[in-house]
Amino acid sequence: MIKAIINISLKAGVLDSQGKAVHHALDSLHFKDVNDVRVGKQIILQLNTDDKTQAMIDVRKMCEELLANTVIEDYSVELV
């Protein structure tokens, strides 16, 4: 069994309104040393295979077709 950890974030240059809201909230709570905030998401999949090569191919295909909006988002995959 393989666990796939997928981290998805907005591409550089794409406005992150949720990140701006979190940054503003942190500033309101007097956390003045925070320079910028970007908010992303993490998806964890349990795969019924021991073939890491095929798992990586499959997970990347899942990201390209469904899990990430590759027009505005980047993703990374870690298999453990």
N, C-alpha and C. Protein backbone atom coordinates (compact mmCIF):
# COMPACT_ATOMS: atom_id res chain seq x y z
N MET A 1 0.85 -1.18 0.00
CA MET A 1 0.00 0.00 0.00
C MET A 1 0.89 1.24 0.00
N ILE A 2 0.52 2.21 -0.81
CA ILE A 2 1.28 3.46 -0.93
C ILE A 2 0.38 4.63 -0.55
N LYS A 3 0.95 5.57 0.17
CA LYS A 3 0.26 6.81 0.47
C LYS A 3 0.80 7.90 -0.44
N ALA A 4 -0.09 8.62 -1.11
CA ALA A 4 0.30 9.74 -1.96
C ALA A 4 -0.13 11.03 -1.27
N ILE A 5 0.82 11.92 -1.08
CA ILE A 5 0.54 13.22 -0.48
C ILE A 5 0.68 14.27 -1.59
N ILE A 6 -0.42 14.95 -1.88
CA ILE A 6 -0.47 15.92 -2.96
C ILE A 6 -0.64 17.30 -2.35
N ASN A 7 0.28 18.20 -2.64
CA ASN A 7 0.19 19.59 -2.19
C ASN A 7 -0.12 20.46 -3.40
N ILE A 8 -1.18 21.25 -3.29
CA ILE A 8 -1.64 22.10 -4.38
C ILE A 8 -1.61 23.55 -3.91
N SER A 9 -1.02 24.41 -4.75
CA SER A 9 -0.96 25.84 -4.41
C SER A 9 -1.19 26.66 -5.67
N LEU A 10 -1.60 27.89 -5.47
CA LEU A 10 -1.78 28.79 -6.61
C LEU A 10 -0.43 29.13 -7.21
N LYS A 11 -0.39 29.26 -8.53
CA LYS A 11 0.84 29.65 -9.21
C LYS A 11 1.23 31.06 -8.80
N ALA A 12 2.52 31.32 -8.89
CA ALA A 12 3.03 32.68 -8.61
C ALA A 12 2.33 33.64 -9.57
N GLY A 13 1.92 34.77 -9.06
CA GLY A 13 1.25 35.77 -9.88
C GLY A 13 -0.26 35.67 -9.87
N VAL A 14 -0.81 34.56 -9.36
CA VAL A 14 -2.26 34.42 -9.25
C VAL A 14 -2.69 34.99 -7.90
N LEU A 15 -3.66 35.88 -7.93
CA LEU A 15 -4.14 36.52 -6.71
C LEU A 15 -4.70 35.48 -5.74
N ASP A 16 -4.23 35.50 -4.51
CA ASP A 16 -4.68 34.58 -3.47
C ASP A 16 -5.50 35.37 -2.46
N SER A 17 -6.79 35.50 -2.72
CA SER A 17 -7.64 36.30 -1.84
C SER A 17 -7.76 35.67 -0.45
N GLN A 18 -7.77 34.36 -0.37
CA GLN A 18 -7.83 33.71 0.95
C GLN A 18 -6.53 33.99 1.72
N GLY A 19 -5.41 33.94 1.04
CA GLY A 19 -4.14 34.26 1.68
C GLY A 19 -4.10 35.69 2.17
N LYS A 20 -4.65 36.61 1.38
CA LYS A 20 -4.70 38.02 1.79
C LYS A 20 -5.57 38.19 3.03
N ALA A 21 -6.70 37.46 3.08
CA ALA A 21 -7.59 37.55 4.24
C ALA A 21 -6.90 37.01 5.49
N VAL A 22 -6.17 35.90 5.35
CA VAL A 22 -5.45 35.34 6.49
C VAL A 22 -4.35 36.31 6.94
N HIS A 23 -3.65 36.88 5.98
CA HIS A 23 -2.60 37.85 6.32
C HIS A 23 -3.17 39.04 7.09
N HIS A 24 -4.30 39.55 6.62
CA HIS A 24 -4.95 40.67 7.30
C HIS A 24 -5.36 40.27 8.73
N ALA A 25 -5.91 39.06 8.88
CA ALA A 25 -6.33 38.60 10.21
C ALA A 25 -5.13 38.46 11.14
N LEU A 26 -4.04 37.91 10.63
CA LEU A 26 -2.83 37.78 11.45
C LEU A 26 -2.30 39.16 11.86
N ASP A 27 -2.34 40.11 10.94
CA ASP A 27 -1.91 41.47 11.24
C ASP A 27 -2.80 42.07 12.33
N SER A 28 -4.11 41.82 12.25
CA SER A 28 -5.05 42.32 13.26
C SER A 28 -4.78 41.72 14.64
N LEU A 29 -4.22 40.51 14.65
CA LEU A 29 -3.88 39.85 15.91
C LEU A 29 -2.46 40.20 16.36
N HIS A 30 -1.86 41.20 15.70
CA HIS A 30 -0.56 41.75 16.06
C HIS A 30 0.62 40.82 15.75
N PHE A 31 0.45 39.93 14.76
CA PHE A 31 1.58 39.15 14.25
C PHE A 31 2.19 39.95 13.11
N LYS A 32 3.04 40.88 13.45
CA LYS A 32 3.55 41.87 12.50
C LYS A 32 4.70 41.36 11.63
N ASP A 33 5.30 40.23 11.99
CA ASP A 33 6.45 39.74 11.24
C ASP A 33 6.07 38.89 10.03
N VAL A 34 4.78 38.67 9.78
CA VAL A 34 4.34 37.89 8.63
C VAL A 34 4.34 38.80 7.41
N ASN A 35 5.14 38.45 6.41
CA ASN A 35 5.28 39.28 5.22
C ASN A 35 4.24 38.95 4.15
N ASP A 36 3.91 37.67 3.99
CA ASP A 36 2.96 37.25 2.95
C ASP A 36 2.37 35.91 3.35
N VAL A 37 1.16 35.62 2.86
CA VAL A 37 0.50 34.35 3.13
C VAL A 37 -0.06 33.81 1.82
N ARG A 38 0.21 32.55 1.55
CA ARG A 38 -0.39 31.85 0.41
C ARG A 38 -1.09 30.63 1.00
N VAL A 39 -2.33 30.40 0.62
CA VAL A 39 -3.11 29.28 1.14
C VAL A 39 -3.25 28.24 0.03
N GLY A 40 -3.04 26.99 0.38
CA GLY A 40 -3.17 25.89 -0.57
C GLY A 40 -4.01 24.78 0.03
N LYS A 41 -3.89 23.61 -0.56
CA LYS A 41 -4.62 22.47 -0.03
C LYS A 41 -3.75 21.23 -0.14
N GLN A 42 -4.05 20.24 0.70
CA GLN A 42 -3.34 18.98 0.69
C GLN A 42 -4.36 17.85 0.56
N ILE A 43 -4.07 16.92 -0.33
CA ILE A 43 -4.91 15.75 -0.53
C ILE A 43 -4.04 14.53 -0.26
N ILE A 44 -4.55 13.60 0.56
CA ILE A 44 -3.81 12.38 0.88
C ILE A 44 -4.62 11.20 0.38
N LEU A 45 -3.98 10.38 -0.45
CA LEU A 45 -4.64 9.21 -1.03
C LEU A 45 -3.95 7.94 -0.54
N GLN A 46 -4.73 6.92 -0.22
CA GLN A 46 -4.20 5.58 0.05
C GLN A 46 -4.42 4.76 -1.21
N LEU A 47 -3.34 4.23 -1.77
CA LEU A 47 -3.42 3.48 -3.01
C LEU A 47 -3.15 2.00 -2.75
N ASN A 48 -3.95 1.15 -3.36
CA ASN A 48 -3.80 -0.31 -3.21
C ASN A 48 -2.82 -0.85 -4.24
N THR A 49 -1.57 -0.45 -4.10
CA THR A 49 -0.51 -0.92 -4.99
C THR A 49 0.82 -0.78 -4.27
N ASP A 50 1.81 -1.54 -4.74
CA ASP A 50 3.18 -1.40 -4.23
C ASP A 50 4.11 -0.90 -5.34
N ASP A 51 3.55 -0.62 -6.51
CA ASP A 51 4.32 -0.17 -7.66
C ASP A 51 4.40 1.36 -7.65
N LYS A 52 5.53 1.88 -7.15
CA LYS A 52 5.68 3.34 -7.01
C LYS A 52 5.70 4.05 -8.35
N THR A 53 6.27 3.44 -9.35
CA THR A 53 6.33 4.07 -10.68
C THR A 53 4.93 4.26 -11.24
N GLN A 54 4.12 3.20 -11.21
CA GLN A 54 2.76 3.31 -11.72
C GLN A 54 1.91 4.21 -10.84
N ALA A 55 2.13 4.17 -9.53
CA ALA A 55 1.39 5.04 -8.61
C ALA A 55 1.64 6.50 -8.95
N MET A 56 2.91 6.86 -9.22
CA MET A 56 3.23 8.24 -9.55
C MET A 56 2.56 8.65 -10.86
N ILE A 57 2.57 7.77 -11.85
CA ILE A 57 1.91 8.05 -13.13
C ILE A 57 0.43 8.28 -12.90
N ASP A 58 -0.20 7.40 -12.12
CA ASP A 58 -1.64 7.50 -11.87
C ASP A 58 -1.99 8.77 -11.09
N VAL A 59 -1.23 9.08 -10.06
CA VAL A 59 -1.53 10.26 -9.24
C VAL A 59 -1.34 11.54 -10.04
N ARG A 60 -0.31 11.60 -10.85
CA ARG A 60 -0.12 12.79 -11.70
C ARG A 60 -1.29 12.95 -12.67
N LYS A 61 -1.77 11.83 -13.21
CA LYS A 61 -2.93 11.88 -14.11
C LYS A 61 -4.16 12.36 -13.35
N MET A 62 -4.34 11.90 -12.11
CA MET A 62 -5.47 12.36 -11.28
C MET A 62 -5.40 13.87 -11.07
N CYS A 63 -4.19 14.37 -10.81
CA CYS A 63 -4.01 15.81 -10.60
C CYS A 63 -4.33 16.58 -11.87
N GLU A 64 -3.82 16.12 -12.99
CA GLU A 64 -4.03 16.81 -14.26
C GLU A 64 -5.49 16.82 -14.69
N GLU A 65 -6.21 15.73 -14.40
CA GLU A 65 -7.58 15.60 -14.87
C GLU A 65 -8.64 16.07 -13.89
N LEU A 66 -8.33 16.09 -12.58
CA LEU A 66 -9.37 16.41 -11.61
C LEU A 66 -8.91 17.23 -10.41
N LEU A 67 -7.85 16.81 -9.77
CA LEU A 67 -7.54 17.35 -8.44
C LEU A 67 -6.98 18.77 -8.45
N ALA A 68 -6.26 19.13 -9.50
CA ALA A 68 -5.67 20.47 -9.58
C ALA A 68 -6.16 21.17 -10.84
N ASN A 69 -6.37 22.47 -10.71
CA ASN A 69 -6.68 23.30 -11.88
C ASN A 69 -5.34 23.81 -12.39
N THR A 70 -4.76 23.10 -13.33
CA THR A 70 -3.38 23.37 -13.74
C THR A 70 -3.21 24.69 -14.48
N VAL A 71 -4.29 25.37 -14.80
CA VAL A 71 -4.19 26.69 -15.39
C VAL A 71 -3.69 27.69 -14.35
N ILE A 72 -4.17 27.55 -13.11
CA ILE A 72 -3.82 28.50 -12.06
C ILE A 72 -3.13 27.87 -10.86
N GLU A 73 -3.00 26.54 -10.84
CA GLU A 73 -2.42 25.87 -9.68
C GLU A 73 -1.22 25.00 -10.07
N ASP A 74 -0.26 24.91 -9.15
CA ASP A 74 0.85 23.98 -9.24
C ASP A 74 0.58 22.87 -8.23
N TYR A 75 1.17 21.72 -8.46
CA TYR A 75 1.04 20.63 -7.49
C TYR A 75 2.35 19.87 -7.39
N SER A 76 2.53 19.23 -6.23
CA SER A 76 3.66 18.33 -6.03
C SER A 76 3.13 17.06 -5.41
N VAL A 77 3.80 15.96 -5.70
CA VAL A 77 3.37 14.65 -5.22
C VAL A 77 4.51 14.01 -4.47
N GLU A 78 4.21 13.45 -3.31
CA GLU A 78 5.17 12.66 -2.54
C GLU A 78 4.55 11.30 -2.28
N LEU A 79 5.27 10.25 -2.57
CA LEU A 79 4.80 8.89 -2.28
C LEU A 79 5.53 8.36 -1.06
N VAL A 80 4.77 7.83 -0.11
CA VAL A 80 5.39 7.25 1.10
C VAL A 80 4.78 5.90 1.37
